[in-house]
Amino acid sequence: MEYVGIHKKGELSLSELIKSVKEKADFQKAGAVAMFVGVVRGETVGGENVEGLELEAYEEKANRVLGGICEELKKREGVVDVQIHHFVGEFGVGEDLVYVVVAGAHRENVFGVLKEAVERYKHEAPVFKKEHLVDEAGISSESYWVSEREAQEKRRKK
């Protein structure tokens, strides 16, 4: 299994991820493991109902970016391992989209690095999200790539 990168939906489970972290030779130095699991939210920031998401990635570049973030953060004092696994495919509300895990000597070593890893992958990795919305009657009403929608909303506000 690749230790970081883009995966098709279902290629990696949380239990497999935790097992891979614990099997690394340096894990004996760890006293804490912190994890972030990103899931599909059932509504947009504006309160619209989300039916699901479609995620795509420029995989080659995303794998390099995610790997670079992990390698850089692993150099922090007390950090034993950093892994970012982002999924692509079609997802329903509540399904897992991304796993970020940080193992370190102490809890103080892991929380800040975990937060930085999450913020960085969201801004740096070329992963693209398409939201599928439904109206109150449960009928599909709109689908859009999130960056397109954000650009439209910015133009409307001007």
C-alpha atoms as a PDB file:
ATOM      1  CA  MET A   1       0.000   0.000   0.000  1.00  0.00           C
ATOM      2  CA  GLU A   2       1.166   3.508  -0.768  1.00  0.00           C
ATOM      3  CA  TYR A   3       1.674   5.491   2.401  1.00  0.00           C
ATOM      4  CA  VAL A   4       0.278   8.728   0.978  1.00  0.00           C
ATOM      5  CA  GLY A   5      -1.692   9.845  -2.000  1.00  0.00           C
ATOM      6  CA  ILE A   6      -4.825   9.495  -4.044  1.00  0.00           C
ATOM      7  CA  HIS A   7      -6.888   6.310  -3.866  1.00  0.00           C
ATOM      8  CA  LYS A   8     -10.099   5.150  -5.471  1.00  0.00           C
ATOM      9  CA  LYS A   9     -13.032   4.997  -3.077  1.00  0.00           C
ATOM     10  CA  GLY A  10     -12.848   1.835  -0.989  1.00  0.00           C
ATOM     11  CA  GLU A  11      -9.165   1.048  -1.620  1.00  0.00           C
ATOM     12  CA  LEU A  12      -8.152   1.773   1.973  1.00  0.00           C
ATOM     13  CA  SER A  13      -9.982   1.333   5.270  1.00  0.00           C
ATOM     14  CA  LEU A  14      -9.341   3.079   8.561  1.00  0.00           C
ATOM     15  CA  SER A  15      -8.255  -0.204  10.144  1.00  0.00           C
ATOM     16  CA  GLU A  16      -5.745  -0.830   7.318  1.00  0.00           C
ATOM     17  CA  LEU A  17      -4.387   2.696   7.759  1.00  0.00           C
ATOM     18  CA  ILE A  18      -3.920   2.345  11.511  1.00  0.00           C
ATOM     19  CA  LYS A  19      -2.279  -1.056  10.998  1.00  0.00           C
ATOM     20  CA  SER A  20       0.166   0.457   8.462  1.00  0.00           C
ATOM     21  CA  VAL A  21       1.105   3.217  10.906  1.00  0.00           C
ATOM     22  CA  LYS A  22       1.711   0.758  13.730  1.00  0.00           C
ATOM     23  CA  GLU A  23       3.772  -1.585  11.530  1.00  0.00           C
ATOM     24  CA  LYS A  24       6.373   1.061  10.660  1.00  0.00           C
ATOM     25  CA  ALA A  25       9.779   0.510  12.251  1.00  0.00           C
ATOM     26  CA  ASP A  26       9.784   3.940  13.943  1.00  0.00           C
ATOM     27  CA  PHE A  27       6.396   3.404  15.595  1.00  0.00           C
ATOM     28  CA  GLN A  28       8.151   2.267  18.776  1.00  0.00           C
ATOM     29  CA  LYS A  29       8.968   5.971  19.323  1.00  0.00           C
ATOM     30  CA  ALA A  30       5.283   6.965  19.192  1.00  0.00           C
ATOM     31  CA  GLY A  31       3.177   7.719  22.229  1.00  0.00           C
ATOM     32  CA  ALA A  32       0.313   9.407  20.376  1.00  0.00           C
ATOM     33  CA  VAL A  33      -1.622   9.021  17.138  1.00  0.00           C
ATOM     34  CA  ALA A  34      -4.033  11.722  15.968  1.00  0.00           C
ATOM     35  CA  MET A  35      -6.366  11.353  13.020  1.00  0.00           C
ATOM     36  CA  PHE A  36      -8.659  13.494  10.887  1.00  0.00           C
ATOM     37  CA  VAL A  37     -11.416  11.870   8.835  1.00  0.00           C
ATOM     38  CA  GLY A  38     -13.098  14.156   6.310  1.00  0.00           C
ATOM     39  CA  VAL A  39     -16.635  13.076   5.361  1.00  0.00           C
ATOM     40  CA  VAL A  40     -19.339  14.283   2.977  1.00  0.00           C
ATOM     41  CA  ARG A  41     -21.435  16.930   4.706  1.00  0.00           C
ATOM     42  CA  GLY A  42     -25.179  16.841   4.019  1.00  0.00           C
ATOM     43  CA  GLU A  43     -25.495  20.562   3.366  1.00  0.00           C
ATOM     44  CA  THR A  44     -23.550  23.383   1.775  1.00  0.00           C
ATOM     45  CA  VAL A  45     -22.234  26.369   3.700  1.00  0.00           C
ATOM     46  CA  GLY A  46     -25.334  28.186   2.380  1.00  0.00           C
ATOM     47  CA  GLY A  47     -27.699  25.550   3.816  1.00  0.00           C
ATOM     48  CA  GLU A  48     -28.583  23.742   0.576  1.00  0.00           C
ATOM     49  CA  ASN A  49     -29.098  19.954   0.765  1.00  0.00           C
ATOM     50  CA  VAL A  50     -26.245  17.889  -0.640  1.00  0.00           C
ATOM     51  CA  GLU A  51     -27.064  14.519  -2.198  1.00  0.00           C
ATOM     52  CA  GLY A  52     -23.434  13.579  -2.755  1.00  0.00           C
ATOM     53  CA  LEU A  53     -20.031  14.556  -4.088  1.00  0.00           C
ATOM     54  CA  GLU A  54     -17.878  13.570  -7.007  1.00  0.00           C
ATOM     55  CA  LEU A  55     -14.131  13.938  -6.496  1.00  0.00           C
ATOM     56  CA  GLU A  56     -11.434  13.926  -9.138  1.00  0.00           C
ATOM     57  CA  ALA A  57      -7.725  14.643  -8.911  1.00  0.00           C
ATOM     58  CA  TYR A  58      -4.734  15.360 -11.067  1.00  0.00           C
ATOM     59  CA  GLU A  59      -3.298  12.215  -9.508  1.00  0.00           C
ATOM     60  CA  GLU A  60       0.370  12.460 -10.458  1.00  0.00           C
ATOM     61  CA  LYS A  61       0.677  16.012  -9.135  1.00  0.00           C
ATOM     62  CA  ALA A  62      -1.579  15.347  -6.129  1.00  0.00           C
ATOM     63  CA  ASN A  63       0.559  12.365  -5.117  1.00  0.00           C
ATOM     64  CA  ARG A  64       3.695  14.536  -5.319  1.00  0.00           C
ATOM     65  CA  VAL A  65       2.075  17.352  -3.318  1.00  0.00           C
ATOM     66  CA  LEU A  66       0.662  15.061  -0.629  1.00  0.00           C
ATOM     67  CA  GLY A  67       3.961  13.172  -0.396  1.00  0.00           C
ATOM     68  CA  GLY A  68       5.879  16.439  -0.086  1.00  0.00           C
ATOM     69  CA  ILE A  69       3.617  17.712   2.693  1.00  0.00           C
ATOM     70  CA  CYS A  70       4.045  14.447   4.609  1.00  0.00           C
ATOM     71  CA  GLU A  71       7.827  14.345   4.161  1.00  0.00           C
ATOM     72  CA  GLU A  72       8.178  17.961   5.274  1.00  0.00           C
ATOM     73  CA  LEU A  73       5.991  17.515   8.356  1.00  0.00           C
ATOM     74  CA  LYS A  74       7.759  14.278   9.361  1.00  0.00           C
ATOM     75  CA  LYS A  75      10.877  16.377   9.979  1.00  0.00           C
ATOM     76  CA  ARG A  76       9.199  18.183  12.876  1.00  0.00           C
ATOM     77  CA  GLU A  77      10.479  17.429  16.347  1.00  0.00           C
ATOM     78  CA  GLY A  78       8.843  14.380  17.898  1.00  0.00           C
ATOM     79  CA  VAL A  79       6.918  13.409  14.743  1.00  0.00           C
ATOM     80  CA  VAL A  80       7.209   9.756  13.773  1.00  0.00           C
ATOM     81  CA  ASP A  81       4.821   9.482  10.798  1.00  0.00           C
ATOM     82  CA  VAL A  82       2.476  11.624   8.693  1.00  0.00           C
ATOM     83  CA  GLN A  83       0.114  10.157   6.106  1.00  0.00           C
ATOM     84  CA  ILE A  84      -2.534  11.788   3.901  1.00  0.00           C
ATOM     85  CA  HIS A  85      -4.882   9.556   1.897  1.00  0.00           C
ATOM     86  CA  HIS A  86      -7.476  11.290  -0.296  1.00  0.00           C
ATOM     87  CA  PHE A  87     -10.166   9.351  -2.111  1.00  0.00           C
ATOM     88  CA  VAL A  88     -11.683   9.976  -5.548  1.00  0.00           C
ATOM     89  CA  GLY A  89     -14.953   8.725  -6.996  1.00  0.00           C
ATOM     90  CA  GLU A  90     -18.626   9.244  -6.160  1.00  0.00           C
ATOM     91  CA  PHE A  91     -19.627   9.606  -2.515  1.00  0.00           C
ATOM     92  CA  GLY A  92     -22.852   9.830  -0.553  1.00  0.00           C
ATOM     93  CA  VAL A  93     -23.488  11.906   2.553  1.00  0.00           C
ATOM     94  CA  GLY A  94     -21.457  10.624   5.502  1.00  0.00           C
ATOM     95  CA  GLU A  95     -18.910   8.685   3.452  1.00  0.00           C
ATOM     96  CA  ASP A  96     -15.179   9.099   4.100  1.00  0.00           C
ATOM     97  CA  LEU A  97     -13.270  11.378   1.705  1.00  0.00           C
ATOM     98  CA  VAL A  98      -9.859  11.760   3.312  1.00  0.00           C
ATOM     99  CA  TYR A  99      -7.737  10.305   6.101  1.00  0.00           C
ATOM    100  CA  VAL A 100      -4.899  12.257   7.690  1.00  0.00           C
ATOM    101  CA  VAL A 101      -2.880  10.598  10.437  1.00  0.00           C
ATOM    102  CA  VAL A 102       0.047  11.839  12.504  1.00  0.00           C
ATOM    103  CA  ALA A 103       2.030   9.710  14.934  1.00  0.00           C
ATOM    104  CA  GLY A 104       4.410  11.311  17.381  1.00  0.00           C
ATOM    105  CA  ALA A 105       6.316  10.914  20.588  1.00  0.00           C
ATOM    106  CA  HIS A 106       3.761  12.917  22.628  1.00  0.00           C
ATOM    107  CA  ARG A 107       0.334  14.444  22.098  1.00  0.00           C
ATOM    108  CA  GLU A 108       1.921  17.896  21.946  1.00  0.00           C
ATOM    109  CA  ASN A 109       3.811  16.767  18.848  1.00  0.00           C
ATOM    110  CA  VAL A 110       0.791  15.611  16.865  1.00  0.00           C
ATOM    111  CA  PHE A 111      -2.127  18.061  17.117  1.00  0.00           C
ATOM    112  CA  GLY A 112      -0.512  21.093  15.478  1.00  0.00           C
ATOM    113  CA  VAL A 113       1.006  18.957  12.727  1.00  0.00           C
ATOM    114  CA  LEU A 114      -2.363  17.310  12.082  1.00  0.00           C
ATOM    115  CA  LYS A 115      -4.055  20.688  11.704  1.00  0.00           C
ATOM    116  CA  GLU A 116      -1.313  21.948   9.381  1.00  0.00           C
ATOM    117  CA  ALA A 117      -1.491  18.779   7.250  1.00  0.00           C
ATOM    118  CA  VAL A 118      -5.260  19.195   6.822  1.00  0.00           C
ATOM    119  CA  GLU A 119      -5.041  22.892   5.943  1.00  0.00           C
ATOM    120  CA  ARG A 120      -2.206  22.306   3.503  1.00  0.00           C
ATOM    121  CA  TYR A 121      -3.761  19.401   1.583  1.00  0.00           C
ATOM    122  CA  LYS A 122      -6.983  21.407   1.183  1.00  0.00           C
ATOM    123  CA  HIS A 123      -5.109  24.367  -0.355  1.00  0.00           C
ATOM    124  CA  GLU A 124      -2.222  22.669  -2.164  1.00  0.00           C
ATOM    125  CA  ALA A 125      -3.408  19.351  -3.616  1.00  0.00           C
ATOM    126  CA  PRO A 126      -5.141  19.407  -7.020  1.00  0.00           C
ATOM    127  CA  VAL A 127      -8.311  17.610  -5.894  1.00  0.00           C
ATOM    128  CA  PHE A 128     -11.585  18.814  -7.397  1.00  0.00           C
ATOM    129  CA  LYS A 129     -15.038  18.521  -5.839  1.00  0.00           C
ATOM    130  CA  LYS A 130     -18.402  18.503  -7.608  1.00  0.00           C
ATOM    131  CA  GLU A 131     -21.456  18.889  -5.372  1.00  0.00           C
ATOM    132  CA  HIS A 132     -24.797  17.340  -6.294  1.00  0.00           C
ATOM    133  CA  LEU A 133     -27.682  19.180  -4.631  1.00  0.00           C
ATOM    134  CA  VAL A 134     -31.296  18.176  -4.053  1.00  0.00           C
ATOM    135  CA  ASP A 135     -34.323  20.326  -3.288  1.00  0.00           C
ATOM    136  CA  GLU A 136     -36.732  19.848  -0.368  1.00  0.00           C
ATOM    137  CA  ALA A 137     -38.698  17.261  -2.395  1.00  0.00           C
ATOM    138  CA  GLY A 138     -35.558  15.168  -2.819  1.00  0.00           C
ATOM    139  CA  ILE A 139     -35.273  15.886  -6.526  1.00  0.00           C
ATOM    140  CA  SER A 140     -31.828  16.593  -7.958  1.00  0.00           C
ATOM    141  CA  SER A 141     -31.701  20.276  -8.667  1.00  0.00           C
ATOM    142  CA  GLU A 142     -28.130  21.273  -9.450  1.00  0.00           C
ATOM    143  CA  SER A 143     -24.592  19.965  -9.805  1.00  0.00           C
ATOM    144  CA  TYR A 144     -21.491  22.133  -9.939  1.00  0.00           C
ATOM    145  CA  TRP A 145     -17.752  22.052  -9.424  1.00  0.00           C
ATOM    146  CA  VAL A 146     -17.168  23.865  -6.143  1.00  0.00           C
ATOM    147  CA  SER A 147     -14.583  26.264  -7.573  1.00  0.00           C
ATOM    148  CA  GLU A 148     -17.088  27.298 -10.291  1.00  0.00           C
ATOM    149  CA  ARG A 149     -19.779  28.008  -7.716  1.00  0.00           C
ATOM    150  CA  GLU A 150     -17.407  30.023  -5.544  1.00  0.00           C
ATOM    151  CA  ALA A 151     -16.401  32.115  -8.575  1.00  0.00           C
ATOM    152  CA  GLN A 152     -20.074  32.736  -9.458  1.00  0.00           C
ATOM    153  CA  GLU A 153     -20.878  33.821  -5.905  1.00  0.00           C
ATOM    154  CA  LYS A 154     -17.916  36.214  -5.837  1.00  0.00           C
ATOM    155  CA  ARG A 155     -19.095  37.793  -9.117  1.00  0.00           C
ATOM    156  CA  ARG A 156     -22.642  38.199  -7.712  1.00  0.00           C
ATOM    157  CA  LYS A 157     -21.351  39.978  -4.607  1.00  0.00           C
ATOM    158  CA  LYS A 158     -19.488  42.629  -6.673  1.00  0.00           C
END
